[in-house]
PDB file of N, CA and C in Angstrom:
ATOM      1  N   UNK A   1     -10.123  69.211  11.121  1.00  0.00           N
ATOM      2  CA  UNK A   1      -9.265  70.061  11.926  1.00  0.00           C
ATOM      3  C   UNK A   1      -7.818  69.701  11.649  1.00  0.00           C
ATOM      4  N   UNK A   2      -6.986  70.726  11.496  1.00  0.00           N
ATOM      5  CA  UNK A   2      -5.549  70.521  11.327  1.00  0.00           C
ATOM      6  C   UNK A   2      -4.814  71.408  12.322  1.00  0.00           C
ATOM      7  N   UNK A   3      -3.787  70.856  12.931  1.00  0.00           N
ATOM      8  CA  UNK A   3      -2.915  71.612  13.826  1.00  0.00           C
ATOM      9  C   UNK A   3      -1.619  71.872  13.075  1.00  0.00           C
ATOM     10  N   UNK A   4      -1.197  73.138  13.033  1.00  0.00           N
ATOM     11  CA  UNK A   4      -0.038  73.529  12.234  1.00  0.00           C
ATOM     12  C   UNK A   4       0.969  74.258  13.114  1.00  0.00           C
ATOM     13  N   UNK A   5       2.213  73.859  12.993  1.00  0.00           N
ATOM     14  CA  UNK A   5       3.329  74.542  13.641  1.00  0.00           C
ATOM     15  C   UNK A   5       4.261  75.006  12.528  1.00  0.00           C
ATOM     16  N   UNK A   6       4.315  76.308  12.319  1.00  0.00           N
ATOM     17  CA  UNK A   6       5.141  76.856  11.243  1.00  0.00           C
ATOM     18  C   UNK A   6       6.597  76.961  11.688  1.00  0.00           C
ATOM     19  N   UNK A   7       7.499  76.757  10.750  1.00  0.00           N
ATOM     20  CA  UNK A   7       8.925  76.922  11.027  1.00  0.00           C
ATOM     21  C   UNK A   7       9.219  78.397  11.278  1.00  0.00           C
ATOM     22  N   UNK A   8      10.284  78.650  11.997  1.00  0.00           N
ATOM     23  CA  UNK A   8      10.702  80.010  12.294  1.00  0.00           C
ATOM     24  C   UNK A   8      10.917  80.790  10.997  1.00  0.00           C
ATOM     25  N   UNK A   9      10.352  81.984  10.954  1.00  0.00           N
ATOM     26  CA  UNK A   9      10.508  82.828   9.775  1.00  0.00           C
ATOM     27  C   UNK A   9       9.497  82.566   8.674  1.00  0.00           C
ATOM     28  N   UNK A  10       8.639  81.589   8.841  1.00  0.00           N
ATOM     29  CA  UNK A  10       7.622  81.271   7.828  1.00  0.00           C
ATOM     30  C   UNK A  10       6.296  81.895   8.219  1.00  0.00           C
ATOM     31  N   UNK A  11       5.482  82.200   7.223  1.00  0.00           N
ATOM     32  CA  UNK A  11       4.167  82.785   7.470  1.00  0.00           C
ATOM     33  C   UNK A  11       3.160  82.171   6.503  1.00  0.00           C
ATOM     34  N   UNK A  12       2.021  81.817   7.027  1.00  0.00           N
ATOM     35  CA  UNK A  12       0.913  81.321   6.205  1.00  0.00           C
ATOM     36  C   UNK A  12      -0.378  81.582   6.960  1.00  0.00           C
ATOM     37  N   UNK A  13      -1.422  81.864   6.227  1.00  0.00           N
ATOM     38  CA  UNK A  13      -2.728  82.051   6.846  1.00  0.00           C
ATOM     39  C   UNK A  13      -3.508  80.749   6.760  1.00  0.00           C
ATOM     40  N   UNK A  14      -4.545  80.664   7.568  1.00  0.00           N
ATOM     41  CA  UNK A  14      -5.400  79.481   7.539  1.00  0.00           C
ATOM     42  C   UNK A  14      -6.022  79.314   6.156  1.00  0.00           C
ATOM     43  N   UNK A  15      -6.423  80.417   5.554  1.00  0.00           N
ATOM     44  CA  UNK A  15      -7.042  80.353   4.232  1.00  0.00           C
ATOM     45  C   UNK A  15      -6.071  79.808   3.187  1.00  0.00           C
ATOM     46  N   UNK A  16      -4.805  80.223   3.256  1.00  0.00           N
ATOM     47  CA  UNK A  16      -3.800  79.729   2.316  1.00  0.00           C
ATOM     48  C   UNK A  16      -3.585  78.225   2.474  1.00  0.00           C
ATOM     49  N   UNK A  17      -3.523  77.765   3.711  1.00  0.00           N
ATOM     50  CA  UNK A  17      -3.301  76.340   3.954  1.00  0.00           C
ATOM     51  C   UNK A  17      -4.496  75.500   3.513  1.00  0.00           C
ATOM     52  N   UNK A  18      -5.699  76.001   3.741  1.00  0.00           N
ATOM     53  CA  UNK A  18      -6.900  75.284   3.309  1.00  0.00           C
ATOM     54  C   UNK A  18      -6.948  75.224   1.783  1.00  0.00           C
ATOM     55  N   UNK A  19      -6.646  76.329   1.117  1.00  0.00           N
ATOM     56  CA  UNK A  19      -6.630  76.344  -0.351  1.00  0.00           C
ATOM     57  C   UNK A  19      -5.568  75.394  -0.889  1.00  0.00           C
ATOM     58  N   UNK A  20      -4.398  75.366  -0.264  1.00  0.00           N
ATOM     59  CA  UNK A  20      -3.320  74.462  -0.668  1.00  0.00           C
ATOM     60  C   UNK A  20      -3.779  73.009  -0.562  1.00  0.00           C
ATOM     61  N   UNK A  21      -4.442  72.669   0.544  1.00  0.00           N
ATOM     62  CA  UNK A  21      -4.884  71.282   0.722  1.00  0.00           C
ATOM     63  C   UNK A  21      -6.016  70.921  -0.237  1.00  0.00           C
ATOM     64  N   UNK A  22      -6.887  71.875  -0.553  1.00  0.00           N
ATOM     65  CA  UNK A  22      -7.980  71.596  -1.498  1.00  0.00           C
ATOM     66  C   UNK A  22      -7.452  71.246  -2.883  1.00  0.00           C
ATOM     67  N   UNK A  23      -6.322  71.844  -3.259  1.00  0.00           N
ATOM     68  CA  UNK A  23      -5.727  71.570  -4.569  1.00  0.00           C
ATOM     69  C   UNK A  23      -5.075  70.195  -4.631  1.00  0.00           C
ATOM     70  N   UNK A  24      -4.748  69.623  -3.475  1.00  0.00           N
ATOM     71  CA  UNK A  24      -3.953  68.397  -3.458  1.00  0.00           C
ATOM     72  C   UNK A  24      -4.621  67.191  -2.811  1.00  0.00           C
ATOM     73  N   UNK A  25      -5.709  67.400  -2.069  1.00  0.00           N
ATOM     74  CA  UNK A  25      -6.360  66.302  -1.349  1.00  0.00           C
ATOM     75  C   UNK A  25      -7.803  66.120  -1.806  1.00  0.00           C
ATOM     76  N   UNK A  26      -8.319  64.931  -1.557  1.00  0.00           N
ATOM     77  CA  UNK A  26      -9.741  64.686  -1.799  1.00  0.00           C
ATOM     78  C   UNK A  26     -10.541  65.582  -0.856  1.00  0.00           C
ATOM     79  N   UNK A  27     -11.735  65.963  -1.257  1.00  0.00           N
ATOM     80  CA  UNK A  27     -12.547  66.906  -0.487  1.00  0.00           C
ATOM     81  C   UNK A  27     -12.767  66.449   0.950  1.00  0.00           C
ATOM     82  N   UNK A  28     -12.987  65.164   1.153  1.00  0.00           N
ATOM     83  CA  UNK A  28     -13.261  64.686   2.509  1.00  0.00           C
ATOM     84  C   UNK A  28     -12.019  64.699   3.402  1.00  0.00           C
ATOM     85  N   UNK A  29     -10.837  64.839   2.831  1.00  0.00           N
ATOM     86  CA  UNK A  29      -9.597  64.875   3.608  1.00  0.00           C
ATOM     87  C   UNK A  29      -9.154  66.296   3.957  1.00  0.00           C
ATOM     88  N   UNK A  30      -9.730  67.300   3.338  1.00  0.00           N
ATOM     89  CA  UNK A  30      -9.306  68.679   3.556  1.00  0.00           C
ATOM     90  C   UNK A  30      -9.780  69.189   4.912  1.00  0.00           C
ATOM     91  N   UNK A  31      -8.896  69.863   5.641  1.00  0.00           N
ATOM     92  CA  UNK A  31      -9.309  70.421   6.934  1.00  0.00           C
ATOM     93  C   UNK A  31     -10.266  71.588   6.728  1.00  0.00           C
ATOM     94  N   UNK A  32     -11.217  71.695   7.622  1.00  0.00           N
ATOM     95  CA  UNK A  32     -12.146  72.823   7.580  1.00  0.00           C
ATOM     96  C   UNK A  32     -11.689  73.932   8.517  1.00  0.00           C
ATOM     97  N   UNK A  33     -10.874  73.552   9.498  1.00  0.00           N
ATOM     98  CA  UNK A  33     -10.365  74.500  10.478  1.00  0.00           C
ATOM     99  C   UNK A  33      -8.880  74.264  10.672  1.00  0.00           C
ATOM    100  N   UNK A  34      -8.130  75.343  10.791  1.00  0.00           N
ATOM    101  CA  UNK A  34      -6.692  75.269  11.035  1.00  0.00           C
ATOM    102  C   UNK A  34      -6.417  75.883  12.404  1.00  0.00           C
ATOM    103  N   UNK A  35      -5.696  75.163  13.250  1.00  0.00           N
ATOM    104  CA  UNK A  35      -5.256  75.680  14.547  1.00  0.00           C
ATOM    105  C   UNK A  35      -3.744  75.830  14.486  1.00  0.00           C
ATOM    106  N   UNK A  36      -3.258  77.028  14.779  1.00  0.00           N
ATOM    107  CA  UNK A  36      -1.818  77.271  14.814  1.00  0.00           C
ATOM    108  C   UNK A  36      -1.319  77.053  16.239  1.00  0.00           C
ATOM    109  N   UNK A  37      -0.276  76.255  16.382  1.00  0.00           N
ATOM    110  CA  UNK A  37       0.335  75.984  17.683  1.00  0.00           C
ATOM    111  C   UNK A  37       1.825  76.284  17.599  1.00  0.00           C
ATOM    112  N   UNK A  38       2.425  76.614  18.740  1.00  0.00           N
ATOM    113  CA  UNK A  38       3.857  76.920  18.765  1.00  0.00           C
ATOM    114  C   UNK A  38       4.670  75.676  18.439  1.00  0.00           C
ATOM    115  N   UNK A  39       4.356  74.574  19.092  1.00  0.00           N
ATOM    116  CA  UNK A  39       5.051  73.305  18.874  1.00  0.00           C
ATOM    117  C   UNK A  39       4.047  72.170  18.949  1.00  0.00           C
ATOM    118  N   UNK A  40       4.274  71.139  18.170  1.00  0.00           N
ATOM    119  CA  UNK A  40       3.442  69.943  18.241  1.00  0.00           C
ATOM    120  C   UNK A  40       3.977  69.057  19.363  1.00  0.00           C
ATOM    121  N   UNK A  41       3.111  68.651  20.309  1.00  0.00           N
ATOM    122  CA  UNK A  41       3.585  67.785  21.392  1.00  0.00           C
ATOM    123  C   UNK A  41       3.952  66.411  20.845  1.00  0.00           C
ATOM    124  N   UNK A  42       5.117  65.908  21.252  1.00  0.00           N
ATOM    125  CA  UNK A  42       5.595  64.626  20.737  1.00  0.00           C
ATOM    126  C   UNK A  42       5.988  63.692  21.872  1.00  0.00           C
ATOM    127  N   UNK A  43       5.923  62.398  21.579  1.00  0.00           N
ATOM    128  CA  UNK A  43       6.390  61.382  22.513  1.00  0.00           C
ATOM    129  C   UNK A  43       7.910  61.300  22.426  1.00  0.00           C
ATOM    130  N   UNK A  44       8.507  60.484  23.275  1.00  0.00           N
ATOM    131  CA  UNK A  44       9.961  60.319  23.239  1.00  0.00           C
ATOM    132  C   UNK A  44      10.430  59.728  21.918  1.00  0.00           C
ATOM    133  N   UNK A  45       9.560  58.956  21.267  1.00  0.00           N
ATOM    134  CA  UNK A  45       9.941  58.357  19.984  1.00  0.00           C
ATOM    135  C   UNK A  45       9.634  59.268  18.793  1.00  0.00           C
ATOM    136  N   UNK A  46       9.108  60.472  19.051  1.00  0.00           N
ATOM    137  CA  UNK A  46       8.885  61.444  17.986  1.00  0.00           C
ATOM    138  C   UNK A  46       7.501  61.438  17.366  1.00  0.00           C
ATOM    139  N   UNK A  47       6.590  60.627  17.895  1.00  0.00           N
ATOM    140  CA  UNK A  47       5.223  60.604  17.357  1.00  0.00           C
ATOM    141  C   UNK A  47       4.419  61.768  17.944  1.00  0.00           C
ATOM    142  N   UNK A  48       3.470  62.278  17.156  1.00  0.00           N
ATOM    143  CA  UNK A  48       2.617  63.379  17.600  1.00  0.00           C
ATOM    144  C   UNK A  48       1.623  62.864  18.638  1.00  0.00           C
ATOM    145  N   UNK A  49       1.476  63.604  19.733  1.00  0.00           N
ATOM    146  CA  UNK A  49       0.491  63.269  20.776  1.00  0.00           C
ATOM    147  C   UNK A  49      -0.835  63.945  20.419  1.00  0.00           C
ATOM    148  N   UNK A  50      -1.657  63.245  19.664  1.00  0.00           N
ATOM    149  CA  UNK A  50      -2.910  63.824  19.161  1.00  0.00           C
ATOM    150  C   UNK A  50      -3.882  64.177  20.280  1.00  0.00           C
ATOM    151  N   UNK A  51      -3.995  63.311  21.281  1.00  0.00           N
ATOM    152  CA  UNK A  51      -4.920  63.571  22.383  1.00  0.00           C
ATOM    153  C   UNK A  51      -4.533  64.846  23.129  1.00  0.00           C
ATOM    154  N   UNK A  52      -3.243  65.070  23.292  1.00  0.00           N
ATOM    155  CA  UNK A  52      -2.779  66.280  23.970  1.00  0.00           C
ATOM    156  C   UNK A  52      -3.110  67.523  23.148  1.00  0.00           C
ATOM    157  N   UNK A  53      -3.012  67.436  21.850  1.00  0.00           N
ATOM    158  CA  UNK A  53      -3.390  68.560  20.988  1.00  0.00           C
ATOM    159  C   UNK A  53      -4.856  68.914  21.182  1.00  0.00           C
ATOM    160  N   UNK A  54      -5.704  67.922  21.222  1.00  0.00           N
ATOM    161  CA  UNK A  54      -7.143  68.173  21.392  1.00  0.00           C
ATOM    162  C   UNK A  54      -7.439  68.812  22.744  1.00  0.00           C
ATOM    163  N   UNK A  55      -6.722  68.390  23.787  1.00  0.00           N
ATOM    164  CA  UNK A  55      -6.962  68.914  25.137  1.00  0.00           C
ATOM    165  C   UNK A  55      -6.466  70.343  25.303  1.00  0.00           C
ATOM    166  N   UNK A  56      -5.320  70.656  24.745  1.00  0.00           N
ATOM    167  CA  UNK A  56      -4.710  71.963  24.988  1.00  0.00           C
ATOM    168  C   UNK A  56      -5.334  73.074  24.167  1.00  0.00           C
ATOM    169  N   UNK A  57      -5.964  72.770  23.071  1.00  0.00           N
ATOM    170  CA  UNK A  57      -6.559  73.803  22.233  1.00  0.00           C
ATOM    171  C   UNK A  57      -5.510  74.500  21.405  1.00  0.00           C
ATOM    172  N   UNK A  58      -5.657  75.806  21.232  1.00  0.00           N
ATOM    173  CA  UNK A  58      -4.759  76.542  20.347  1.00  0.00           C
ATOM    174  C   UNK A  58      -4.055  77.654  21.093  1.00  0.00           C
ATOM    175  N   UNK A  59      -2.925  78.086  20.553  1.00  0.00           N
ATOM    176  CA  UNK A  59      -2.207  79.228  21.110  1.00  0.00           C
ATOM    177  C   UNK A  59      -2.485  80.488  20.306  1.00  0.00           C
ATOM    178  N   UNK A  60      -2.994  80.327  19.110  1.00  0.00           N
ATOM    179  CA  UNK A  60      -3.340  81.459  18.257  1.00  0.00           C
ATOM    180  C   UNK A  60      -4.740  81.224  17.703  1.00  0.00           C
ATOM    181  N   UNK A  61      -5.425  82.270  17.300  1.00  0.00           N
ATOM    182  CA  UNK A  61      -6.775  82.084  16.760  1.00  0.00           C
ATOM    183  C   UNK A  61      -6.779  81.178  15.536  1.00  0.00           C
ATOM    184  N   UNK A  62      -7.832  80.428  15.414  1.00  0.00           N
ATOM    185  CA  UNK A  62      -7.988  79.575  14.238  1.00  0.00           C
ATOM    186  C   UNK A  62      -9.028  80.197  13.327  1.00  0.00           C
ATOM    187  N   UNK A  63      -9.054  79.745  12.098  1.00  0.00           N
ATOM    188  CA  UNK A  63     -10.000  80.297  11.131  1.00  0.00           C
ATOM    189  C   UNK A  63     -10.751  79.167  10.455  1.00  0.00           C
ATOM    190  N   UNK A  64     -12.078  79.153  10.583  1.00  0.00           N
ATOM    191  CA  UNK A  64     -12.848  78.135   9.858  1.00  0.00           C
ATOM    192  C   UNK A  64     -12.898  78.459   8.379  1.00  0.00           C
ATOM    193  N   UNK A  65     -13.051  77.427   7.580  1.00  0.00           N
ATOM    194  CA  UNK A  65     -13.153  77.653   6.142  1.00  0.00           C
ATOM    195  C   UNK A  65     -14.514  78.235   5.819  1.00  0.00           C
ATOM    196  N   UNK A  66     -14.618  78.821   4.661  1.00  0.00           N
ATOM    197  CA  UNK A  66     -15.877  79.436   4.235  1.00  0.00           C
ATOM    198  C   UNK A  66     -16.507  78.571   3.167  1.00  0.00           C
ATOM    199  N   UNK A  67     -17.260  77.557   3.606  1.00  0.00           N
ATOM    200  CA  UNK A  67     -17.933  76.635   2.674  1.00  0.00           C
ATOM    201  C   UNK A  67     -19.336  77.087   2.395  1.00  0.00           C
TER     202      UNK A  67
END
């Protein structure tokens, strides 16, 4: 699972991001599902709050890969 927050004015589909990662990462590291979120929750020191991402779910539909 990967959580993605796109910059303003940028567009990418889940399929494009999965294909991009398959070209650059080992198979076991590639996400099978992409969740698009408006913003990644961060701590005061700027670290991503992973547990909060898992709890809140997604703001936009996600797309599983077609394996």
